[in-house]
Structures are given as structure tokens and as C-alpha cells.
Amino acid sequence: MTAAKTESVRKELVVKVARQRAFQAFTEKIDRWWPRSHHIGRVEMKQAVLETKDGGRWYEIGVDGTECNWGRVLVWDPPRRLVLAWQITAGWQYDPDFVTEVEINFAEEGPTLTRVTLEHRNIGRFGVQAEAMWNSFDSDGGWSGMLAAFGRLAEDF
């Protein structure tokens, strides 16, 4: 296992919208861009929810109404920065005692241009599964694909 694959996964995307709109699309519209296939509940996911405040919950609601936590909001600094606790283990289960972090920064590059940088850090905390988790997060089905979906929504809503 390489050291690089136990550290951070970093992704970057430029969207052709103002920073405030990019931040809103990422946070308030998460349900519209988060893939339905990416859930940890026992049933199909009905909704992805991000409570837009410090300490807010980040979770899914299943089609049967059950809720599965994913983590919580560690830093809420609209429209500049968001830090989320990812509390999902390598076994794809929520664990309140397990935390890696996903930081998203929104940098204004013009009145209608925003650079969005996502860093999923502390991957080494997955232990022996760190490299596999890094590969998963770095894949097209991971943060690359999800950022692309977010970008399309940000520019279209």
C-alpha cells in the first residue's frame, strides 16, 4: 500500500455559476445530484439530506421512511467552505465513533465562475482497507462522478 493511497482523495471542478449558487447546489440540492445507488440503508434510498448548519446531520431516508446517518456537518461557512464528517466504515456501515473528513471549498474565480475543490482526508483511518477505500473514493463511481453530477445540477437549476 502506498502512502498516497492512505491520505487524501482530491477532486476539483470549475462550474459556470456564482459561488453562492454553487454552494447552494451542493448543500441544499444534494438530493438532486447524489446518486440513488450510493446508500447504506437496507432499502432503496428515497432522499439524501444535509442539514444546512453547524452540527447538522448528513443522512439518507429510505423508501420505507427509515433513516441512516452518514455523518455530520463539522464546518458550515457559506458560501466558502463546508466540512463533513464521513462516519461510514469500510464495511459501508455508519459508526458514530469513526470519522474521516470531506472538505469542500468554493473559490470565486469570477462573477459566474466557481472552482470547487473537494478533499476526502484521513483515509488511513480505514486501516487495512485504506487503499481499497481510496480507490473507491477516487473512482468514476466515487467523488469524480458525484462532482460531475453536482456540476451539471449547479449549472442547470
N, C-alpha and C. Protein backbone atom coordinates (compact mmCIF):
# COMPACT_ATOMS: atom_id res chain seq x y z
N MET A 1 0.86 -1.18 0.00
CA MET A 1 0.00 0.00 0.00
C MET A 1 0.90 1.23 0.00
N THR A 2 0.58 2.18 -0.86
CA THR A 2 1.38 3.40 -0.93
C THR A 2 0.84 4.44 0.04
N ALA A 3 1.72 5.30 0.53
CA ALA A 3 1.31 6.35 1.46
C ALA A 3 0.27 7.26 0.82
N ALA A 4 0.40 7.51 -0.48
CA ALA A 4 -0.54 8.40 -1.17
C ALA A 4 -1.96 7.86 -1.10
N LYS A 5 -2.09 6.55 -1.09
CA LYS A 5 -3.42 5.95 -1.09
C LYS A 5 -3.98 5.78 0.33
N THR A 6 -3.30 6.30 1.31
CA THR A 6 -3.85 6.29 2.66
C THR A 6 -4.13 7.72 3.13
N GLU A 7 -3.83 8.67 2.29
CA GLU A 7 -4.05 10.06 2.67
C GLU A 7 -5.34 10.57 2.04
N SER A 8 -5.26 11.66 1.31
CA SER A 8 -6.46 12.32 0.80
C SER A 8 -6.77 11.96 -0.65
N VAL A 9 -8.05 11.99 -0.96
CA VAL A 9 -8.51 11.99 -2.34
C VAL A 9 -8.94 13.43 -2.61
N ARG A 10 -8.37 14.02 -3.67
CA ARG A 10 -8.69 15.41 -4.01
C ARG A 10 -9.27 15.48 -5.41
N LYS A 11 -10.35 16.23 -5.52
CA LYS A 11 -11.01 16.44 -6.81
C LYS A 11 -11.32 17.92 -6.95
N GLU A 12 -11.30 18.38 -8.19
CA GLU A 12 -11.57 19.79 -8.45
C GLU A 12 -12.44 19.92 -9.68
N LEU A 13 -13.30 20.92 -9.66
CA LEU A 13 -14.24 21.15 -10.75
C LEU A 13 -14.51 22.64 -10.83
N VAL A 14 -14.59 23.18 -12.03
CA VAL A 14 -14.98 24.57 -12.21
C VAL A 14 -16.39 24.56 -12.78
N VAL A 15 -17.29 25.30 -12.10
CA VAL A 15 -18.67 25.41 -12.56
C VAL A 15 -18.93 26.84 -12.98
N LYS A 16 -19.77 26.99 -13.99
CA LYS A 16 -20.06 28.30 -14.56
C LYS A 16 -21.26 28.95 -13.87
N VAL A 17 -21.13 29.10 -12.55
CA VAL A 17 -22.16 29.75 -11.74
C VAL A 17 -21.46 30.53 -10.63
N ALA A 18 -22.17 31.48 -10.04
CA ALA A 18 -21.64 32.24 -8.92
C ALA A 18 -21.41 31.32 -7.72
N ARG A 19 -20.49 31.71 -6.86
CA ARG A 19 -20.11 30.90 -5.70
C ARG A 19 -21.32 30.55 -4.82
N GLN A 20 -22.18 31.53 -4.55
CA GLN A 20 -23.35 31.29 -3.70
C GLN A 20 -24.24 30.19 -4.30
N ARG A 21 -24.44 30.25 -5.60
CA ARG A 21 -25.28 29.25 -6.26
C ARG A 21 -24.61 27.87 -6.23
N ALA A 22 -23.30 27.82 -6.41
CA ALA A 22 -22.58 26.54 -6.35
C ALA A 22 -22.72 25.94 -4.95
N PHE A 23 -22.55 26.76 -3.93
CA PHE A 23 -22.67 26.29 -2.55
C PHE A 23 -24.09 25.76 -2.29
N GLN A 24 -25.08 26.50 -2.73
CA GLN A 24 -26.47 26.08 -2.54
C GLN A 24 -26.77 24.78 -3.28
N ALA A 25 -26.25 24.65 -4.48
CA ALA A 25 -26.48 23.42 -5.25
C ALA A 25 -25.87 22.22 -4.53
N PHE A 26 -24.67 22.42 -3.97
CA PHE A 26 -24.01 21.31 -3.28
C PHE A 26 -24.75 20.92 -2.01
N THR A 27 -25.20 21.90 -1.26
CA THR A 27 -25.77 21.64 0.06
C THR A 27 -27.28 21.47 0.04
N GLU A 28 -27.99 22.48 -0.41
CA GLU A 28 -29.45 22.47 -0.36
C GLU A 28 -30.07 21.53 -1.40
N LYS A 29 -29.34 21.25 -2.47
CA LYS A 29 -29.86 20.41 -3.55
C LYS A 29 -29.16 19.06 -3.62
N ILE A 30 -28.53 18.64 -2.54
CA ILE A 30 -27.78 17.38 -2.54
C ILE A 30 -28.63 16.20 -3.01
N ASP A 31 -29.90 16.23 -2.68
CA ASP A 31 -30.77 15.13 -3.08
C ASP A 31 -30.93 15.03 -4.60
N ARG A 32 -30.71 16.14 -5.29
CA ARG A 32 -30.89 16.13 -6.74
C ARG A 32 -29.65 15.64 -7.48
N TRP A 33 -28.48 15.65 -6.84
CA TRP A 33 -27.28 15.18 -7.54
C TRP A 33 -26.66 13.92 -6.92
N TRP A 34 -27.00 13.59 -5.69
CA TRP A 34 -26.43 12.39 -5.06
C TRP A 34 -27.01 11.15 -5.72
N PRO A 35 -26.17 10.21 -6.19
CA PRO A 35 -26.68 9.02 -6.88
C PRO A 35 -27.51 8.13 -5.95
N ARG A 36 -28.64 7.67 -6.42
CA ARG A 36 -29.51 6.80 -5.63
C ARG A 36 -28.83 5.48 -5.29
N SER A 37 -27.87 5.09 -6.11
CA SER A 37 -27.16 3.83 -5.87
C SER A 37 -26.21 3.93 -4.68
N HIS A 38 -25.88 5.13 -4.25
CA HIS A 38 -24.91 5.34 -3.18
C HIS A 38 -25.63 5.52 -1.84
N HIS A 39 -26.03 4.40 -1.27
CA HIS A 39 -26.72 4.43 0.02
C HIS A 39 -26.25 3.25 0.85
N ILE A 40 -26.46 3.36 2.16
CA ILE A 40 -26.05 2.28 3.06
C ILE A 40 -27.24 1.61 3.74
N GLY A 41 -28.42 2.15 3.55
CA GLY A 41 -29.61 1.56 4.15
C GLY A 41 -29.96 0.23 3.50
N ARG A 42 -30.83 -0.50 4.15
CA ARG A 42 -31.23 -1.82 3.65
C ARG A 42 -32.21 -1.74 2.49
N VAL A 43 -32.85 -0.58 2.35
CA VAL A 43 -33.81 -0.41 1.27
C VAL A 43 -33.32 0.70 0.33
N GLU A 44 -33.96 0.79 -0.80
CA GLU A 44 -33.64 1.82 -1.77
C GLU A 44 -33.73 3.21 -1.12
N MET A 45 -32.84 4.10 -1.53
CA MET A 45 -32.82 5.45 -0.97
C MET A 45 -33.88 6.32 -1.64
N LYS A 46 -34.67 6.98 -0.82
CA LYS A 46 -35.66 7.94 -1.31
C LYS A 46 -35.07 9.34 -1.37
N GLN A 47 -34.23 9.70 -0.38
CA GLN A 47 -33.75 11.07 -0.29
C GLN A 47 -32.41 11.15 0.43
N ALA A 48 -31.52 12.00 -0.08
CA ALA A 48 -30.27 12.35 0.61
C ALA A 48 -30.50 13.70 1.28
N VAL A 49 -30.09 13.82 2.54
CA VAL A 49 -30.36 15.03 3.31
C VAL A 49 -29.08 15.56 3.95
N LEU A 50 -28.89 16.86 3.83
CA LEU A 50 -27.80 17.55 4.52
C LEU A 50 -28.42 18.72 5.26
N GLU A 51 -28.38 18.66 6.58
CA GLU A 51 -28.91 19.76 7.38
C GLU A 51 -27.92 20.92 7.32
N THR A 52 -28.40 22.05 6.85
CA THR A 52 -27.53 23.18 6.49
C THR A 52 -27.24 24.08 7.69
N LYS A 53 -26.40 23.53 8.60
CA LYS A 53 -25.99 24.27 9.80
C LYS A 53 -24.83 23.53 10.47
N ASP A 54 -24.07 24.25 11.28
CA ASP A 54 -23.04 23.60 12.09
C ASP A 54 -23.67 22.50 12.93
N GLY A 55 -23.06 21.34 12.94
CA GLY A 55 -23.57 20.22 13.71
C GLY A 55 -24.74 19.49 13.08
N GLY A 56 -25.18 19.94 11.89
CA GLY A 56 -26.30 19.30 11.21
C GLY A 56 -26.00 17.87 10.83
N ARG A 57 -27.04 17.11 10.66
CA ARG A 57 -26.89 15.71 10.25
C ARG A 57 -26.74 15.62 8.73
N TRP A 58 -26.11 14.54 8.31
CA TRP A 58 -25.95 14.18 6.91
C TRP A 58 -26.42 12.73 6.84
N TYR A 59 -27.50 12.47 6.09
CA TYR A 59 -28.10 11.14 6.17
C TYR A 59 -28.97 10.84 4.95
N GLU A 60 -29.46 9.62 4.92
CA GLU A 60 -30.38 9.20 3.86
C GLU A 60 -31.70 8.77 4.48
N ILE A 61 -32.74 8.90 3.69
CA ILE A 61 -34.06 8.39 4.07
C ILE A 61 -34.42 7.33 3.04
N GLY A 62 -34.76 6.14 3.53
CA GLY A 62 -35.13 5.05 2.65
C GLY A 62 -36.58 5.17 2.19
N VAL A 63 -36.92 4.41 1.18
CA VAL A 63 -38.29 4.43 0.65
C VAL A 63 -39.30 3.99 1.70
N ASP A 64 -38.84 3.28 2.74
CA ASP A 64 -39.74 2.86 3.81
C ASP A 64 -39.75 3.84 4.97
N GLY A 65 -39.05 4.98 4.82
CA GLY A 65 -39.01 6.00 5.87
C GLY A 65 -37.89 5.87 6.87
N THR A 66 -37.12 4.79 6.79
CA THR A 66 -36.00 4.63 7.73
C THR A 66 -34.90 5.62 7.40
N GLU A 67 -34.17 6.03 8.43
CA GLU A 67 -33.05 6.96 8.26
C GLU A 67 -31.75 6.25 8.58
N CYS A 68 -30.72 6.54 7.78
CA CYS A 68 -29.38 6.03 8.02
C CYS A 68 -28.42 7.22 8.01
N ASN A 69 -27.77 7.44 9.14
CA ASN A 69 -26.79 8.52 9.22
C ASN A 69 -25.58 8.21 8.37
N TRP A 70 -25.01 9.28 7.80
CA TRP A 70 -23.74 9.19 7.09
C TRP A 70 -22.66 9.95 7.87
N GLY A 71 -23.08 11.00 8.57
CA GLY A 71 -22.13 11.83 9.29
C GLY A 71 -22.79 13.10 9.77
N ARG A 72 -21.97 14.16 9.90
CA ARG A 72 -22.49 15.43 10.39
C ARG A 72 -21.69 16.58 9.80
N VAL A 73 -22.24 17.76 9.92
CA VAL A 73 -21.59 18.98 9.45
C VAL A 73 -20.62 19.45 10.53
N LEU A 74 -19.34 19.50 10.20
CA LEU A 74 -18.32 19.96 11.14
C LEU A 74 -18.07 21.46 11.00
N VAL A 75 -18.09 21.96 9.76
CA VAL A 75 -17.89 23.39 9.50
C VAL A 75 -18.93 23.83 8.48
N TRP A 76 -19.67 24.87 8.83
CA TRP A 76 -20.68 25.45 7.94
C TRP A 76 -20.29 26.91 7.74
N ASP A 77 -19.72 27.24 6.57
CA ASP A 77 -19.23 28.58 6.29
C ASP A 77 -19.65 29.00 4.89
N PRO A 78 -20.97 29.22 4.69
CA PRO A 78 -21.45 29.58 3.35
C PRO A 78 -20.98 30.98 2.94
N PRO A 79 -20.68 31.19 1.67
CA PRO A 79 -20.64 30.20 0.59
C PRO A 79 -19.22 29.72 0.30
N ARG A 80 -18.36 29.78 1.29
CA ARG A 80 -16.94 29.48 1.09
C ARG A 80 -16.54 28.03 1.30
N ARG A 81 -17.04 27.44 2.39
CA ARG A 81 -16.46 26.18 2.84
C ARG A 81 -17.47 25.34 3.61
N LEU A 82 -17.31 24.04 3.45
CA LEU A 82 -18.13 23.05 4.14
C LEU A 82 -17.21 21.88 4.50
N VAL A 83 -17.28 21.44 5.75
CA VAL A 83 -16.54 20.24 6.15
C VAL A 83 -17.54 19.26 6.75
N LEU A 84 -17.53 18.05 6.21
CA LEU A 84 -18.44 17.00 6.65
C LEU A 84 -17.68 15.86 7.30
N ALA A 85 -18.21 15.34 8.39
CA ALA A 85 -17.68 14.11 8.98
C ALA A 85 -18.28 12.96 8.19
N TRP A 86 -17.42 12.14 7.60
CA TRP A 86 -17.83 10.90 6.92
C TRP A 86 -17.68 9.81 7.96
N GLN A 87 -18.79 9.26 8.43
CA GLN A 87 -18.74 8.29 9.51
C GLN A 87 -19.22 6.92 9.03
N ILE A 88 -18.81 6.61 7.82
CA ILE A 88 -19.16 5.33 7.20
C ILE A 88 -17.87 4.51 7.10
N THR A 89 -17.90 3.32 7.62
CA THR A 89 -16.73 2.46 7.67
C THR A 89 -16.47 1.78 6.32
N ALA A 90 -15.39 1.04 6.25
CA ALA A 90 -15.06 0.28 5.04
C ALA A 90 -16.10 -0.81 4.77
N GLY A 91 -16.86 -1.19 5.77
CA GLY A 91 -17.95 -2.15 5.60
C GLY A 91 -19.25 -1.47 5.19
N TRP A 92 -19.17 -0.18 4.87
CA TRP A 92 -20.30 0.63 4.42
C TRP A 92 -21.43 0.66 5.47
N GLN A 93 -21.01 0.85 6.72
CA GLN A 93 -21.93 0.98 7.83
C GLN A 93 -21.60 2.26 8.61
N TYR A 94 -22.63 2.91 9.12
CA TYR A 94 -22.43 4.10 9.94
C TYR A 94 -21.84 3.69 11.29
N ASP A 95 -20.83 4.45 11.74
CA ASP A 95 -20.23 4.23 13.05
C ASP A 95 -19.99 5.60 13.67
N PRO A 96 -20.70 5.95 14.74
CA PRO A 96 -20.55 7.28 15.34
C PRO A 96 -19.16 7.55 15.89
N ASP A 97 -18.36 6.50 16.09
CA ASP A 97 -17.01 6.66 16.61
C ASP A 97 -15.94 6.70 15.52
N PHE A 98 -16.35 6.57 14.28
CA PHE A 98 -15.41 6.58 13.15
C PHE A 98 -15.59 7.88 12.38
N VAL A 99 -14.49 8.56 12.06
CA VAL A 99 -14.60 9.83 11.32
C VAL A 99 -13.45 9.99 10.33
N THR A 100 -13.80 10.19 9.07
CA THR A 100 -12.89 10.79 8.11
C THR A 100 -13.59 12.09 7.71
N GLU A 101 -12.90 12.97 7.01
CA GLU A 101 -13.48 14.28 6.72
C GLU A 101 -13.52 14.55 5.23
N VAL A 102 -14.61 15.20 4.82
CA VAL A 102 -14.76 15.66 3.44
C VAL A 102 -14.88 17.17 3.51
N GLU A 103 -13.88 17.86 2.97
CA GLU A 103 -13.89 19.32 2.94
C GLU A 103 -14.15 19.79 1.52
N ILE A 104 -15.09 20.71 1.38
CA ILE A 104 -15.42 21.27 0.07
C ILE A 104 -15.24 22.77 0.16
N ASN A 105 -14.40 23.30 -0.73
CA ASN A 105 -14.15 24.74 -0.79
C ASN A 105 -14.70 25.28 -2.10
N PHE A 106 -15.26 26.49 -2.03
CA PHE A 106 -15.88 27.15 -3.17
C PHE A 106 -15.13 28.47 -3.37
N ALA A 107 -14.30 28.53 -4.40
CA ALA A 107 -13.48 29.73 -4.64
C ALA A 107 -14.02 30.49 -5.84
N GLU A 108 -14.34 31.74 -5.61
CA GLU A 108 -14.87 32.59 -6.68
C GLU A 108 -13.74 32.94 -7.64
N GLU A 109 -13.95 32.62 -8.90
CA GLU A 109 -12.96 32.94 -9.93
C GLU A 109 -13.49 33.99 -10.89
N GLY A 110 -14.68 34.44 -10.66
CA GLY A 110 -15.34 35.45 -11.47
C GLY A 110 -16.76 35.55 -11.01
N PRO A 111 -17.51 36.51 -11.53
CA PRO A 111 -18.90 36.66 -11.06
C PRO A 111 -19.77 35.44 -11.33
N THR A 112 -19.44 34.68 -12.35
CA THR A 112 -20.21 33.47 -12.65
C THR A 112 -19.29 32.28 -12.92
N LEU A 113 -18.25 32.19 -12.11
CA LEU A 113 -17.29 31.08 -12.25
C LEU A 113 -16.77 30.71 -10.86
N THR A 114 -16.92 29.44 -10.50
CA THR A 114 -16.51 28.97 -9.17
C THR A 114 -15.69 27.71 -9.28
N ARG A 115 -14.55 27.70 -8.60
CA ARG A 115 -13.73 26.49 -8.51
C ARG A 115 -14.12 25.75 -7.23
N VAL A 116 -14.55 24.51 -7.41
CA VAL A 116 -14.97 23.68 -6.28
C VAL A 116 -13.89 22.62 -6.06
N THR A 117 -13.33 22.61 -4.86
CA THR A 117 -12.30 21.65 -4.52
C THR A 117 -12.81 20.77 -3.39
N LEU A 118 -12.76 19.47 -3.60
CA LEU A 118 -13.21 18.50 -2.61
C LEU A 118 -12.01 17.68 -2.18
N GLU A 119 -11.85 17.54 -0.88
CA GLU A 119 -10.78 16.69 -0.33
C GLU A 119 -11.39 15.75 0.70
N HIS A 120 -11.27 14.45 0.45
CA HIS A 120 -11.68 13.45 1.43
C HIS A 120 -10.39 12.99 2.10
N ARG A 121 -10.24 13.36 3.37
CA ARG A 121 -8.96 13.13 4.05
C ARG A 121 -9.08 12.14 5.20
N ASN A 122 -7.90 11.76 5.69
CA ASN A 122 -7.77 10.78 6.78
C ASN A 122 -8.16 9.38 6.33
N ILE A 123 -7.90 9.08 5.06
CA ILE A 123 -8.24 7.76 4.50
C ILE A 123 -7.50 6.65 5.26
N GLY A 124 -6.33 6.95 5.80
CA GLY A 124 -5.57 5.96 6.56
C GLY A 124 -6.33 5.39 7.74
N ARG A 125 -7.34 6.10 8.21
CA ARG A 125 -8.15 5.60 9.33
C ARG A 125 -8.95 4.35 8.98
N PHE A 126 -9.03 4.04 7.70
CA PHE A 126 -9.71 2.80 7.30
C PHE A 126 -8.82 1.58 7.52
N GLY A 127 -7.60 1.80 7.98
CA GLY A 127 -6.69 0.70 8.31
C GLY A 127 -6.34 -0.15 7.12
N VAL A 128 -6.46 -1.46 7.24
CA VAL A 128 -6.08 -2.37 6.17
C VAL A 128 -6.93 -2.17 4.92
N GLN A 129 -8.07 -1.52 5.05
CA GLN A 129 -8.95 -1.25 3.90
C GLN A 129 -8.69 0.12 3.27
N ALA A 130 -7.68 0.83 3.75
CA ALA A 130 -7.44 2.21 3.29
C ALA A 130 -7.23 2.30 1.78
N GLU A 131 -6.40 1.44 1.22
CA GLU A 131 -6.14 1.51 -0.22
C GLU A 131 -7.40 1.23 -1.04
N ALA A 132 -8.15 0.23 -0.64
CA ALA A 132 -9.40 -0.09 -1.35
C ALA A 132 -10.39 1.07 -1.26
N MET A 133 -10.48 1.69 -0.09
CA MET A 133 -11.40 2.82 0.08
C MET A 133 -10.91 4.02 -0.74
N TRP A 134 -9.61 4.27 -0.75
CA TRP A 134 -9.05 5.36 -1.56
C TRP A 134 -9.42 5.13 -3.02
N ASN A 135 -9.23 3.90 -3.50
CA ASN A 135 -9.56 3.58 -4.89
C ASN A 135 -11.05 3.80 -5.16
N SER A 136 -11.90 3.44 -4.22
CA SER A 136 -13.33 3.63 -4.38
C SER A 136 -13.68 5.11 -4.44
N PHE A 137 -13.16 5.89 -3.52
CA PHE A 137 -13.45 7.33 -3.49
C PHE A 137 -12.89 8.04 -4.72
N ASP A 138 -11.78 7.54 -5.24
CA ASP A 138 -11.10 8.20 -6.37
C ASP A 138 -11.69 7.80 -7.72
N SER A 139 -12.56 6.83 -7.74
CA SER A 139 -13.08 6.28 -9.00
C SER A 139 -14.18 7.15 -9.61
N ASP A 140 -14.56 6.78 -10.85
CA ASP A 140 -15.67 7.46 -11.52
C ASP A 140 -16.97 7.28 -10.74
N GLY A 141 -17.13 6.17 -10.05
CA GLY A 141 -18.30 5.95 -9.22
C GLY A 141 -18.21 6.63 -7.87
N GLY A 142 -17.04 7.18 -7.57
CA GLY A 142 -16.81 7.89 -6.31
C GLY A 142 -16.95 9.39 -6.49
N TRP A 143 -16.00 10.13 -5.89
CA TRP A 143 -16.12 11.59 -5.90
C TRP A 143 -16.04 12.20 -7.29
N SER A 144 -15.34 11.60 -8.22
CA SER A 144 -15.28 12.16 -9.59
C SER A 144 -16.66 12.23 -10.22
N GLY A 145 -17.36 11.11 -10.19
CA GLY A 145 -18.69 11.06 -10.77
C GLY A 145 -19.69 11.91 -10.02
N MET A 146 -19.57 11.93 -8.70
CA MET A 146 -20.52 12.72 -7.91
C MET A 146 -20.30 14.22 -8.12
N LEU A 147 -19.03 14.64 -8.22
CA LEU A 147 -18.77 16.06 -8.50
C LEU A 147 -19.27 16.45 -9.89
N ALA A 148 -19.13 15.55 -10.84
CA ALA A 148 -19.64 15.83 -12.19
C ALA A 148 -21.16 16.00 -12.16
N ALA A 149 -21.86 15.14 -11.42
CA ALA A 149 -23.32 15.25 -11.29
C ALA A 149 -23.70 16.55 -10.60
N PHE A 150 -22.96 16.91 -9.55
CA PHE A 150 -23.19 18.17 -8.87
C PHE A 150 -23.00 19.34 -9.84
N GLY A 151 -21.93 19.30 -10.64
CA GLY A 151 -21.65 20.38 -11.59
C GLY A 151 -22.76 20.59 -12.60
N ARG A 152 -23.30 19.48 -13.11
CA ARG A 152 -24.41 19.59 -14.06
C ARG A 152 -25.64 20.24 -13.39
N LEU A 153 -25.92 19.82 -12.18
CA LEU A 153 -27.06 20.40 -11.47
C LEU A 153 -26.83 21.89 -11.19
N ALA A 154 -25.64 22.22 -10.72
CA ALA A 154 -25.34 23.62 -10.38
C ALA A 154 -25.55 24.54 -11.57
N GLU A 155 -25.19 24.07 -12.74
CA GLU A 155 -25.31 24.90 -13.95
C GLU A 155 -26.73 24.89 -14.53
N ASP A 156 -27.56 23.96 -14.09
CA ASP A 156 -28.89 23.82 -14.69
C ASP A 156 -30.06 24.23 -13.81
N PHE A 157 -29.86 24.34 -12.50
CA PHE A 157 -31.03 24.61 -11.65
C PHE A 157 -31.35 26.09 -11.55
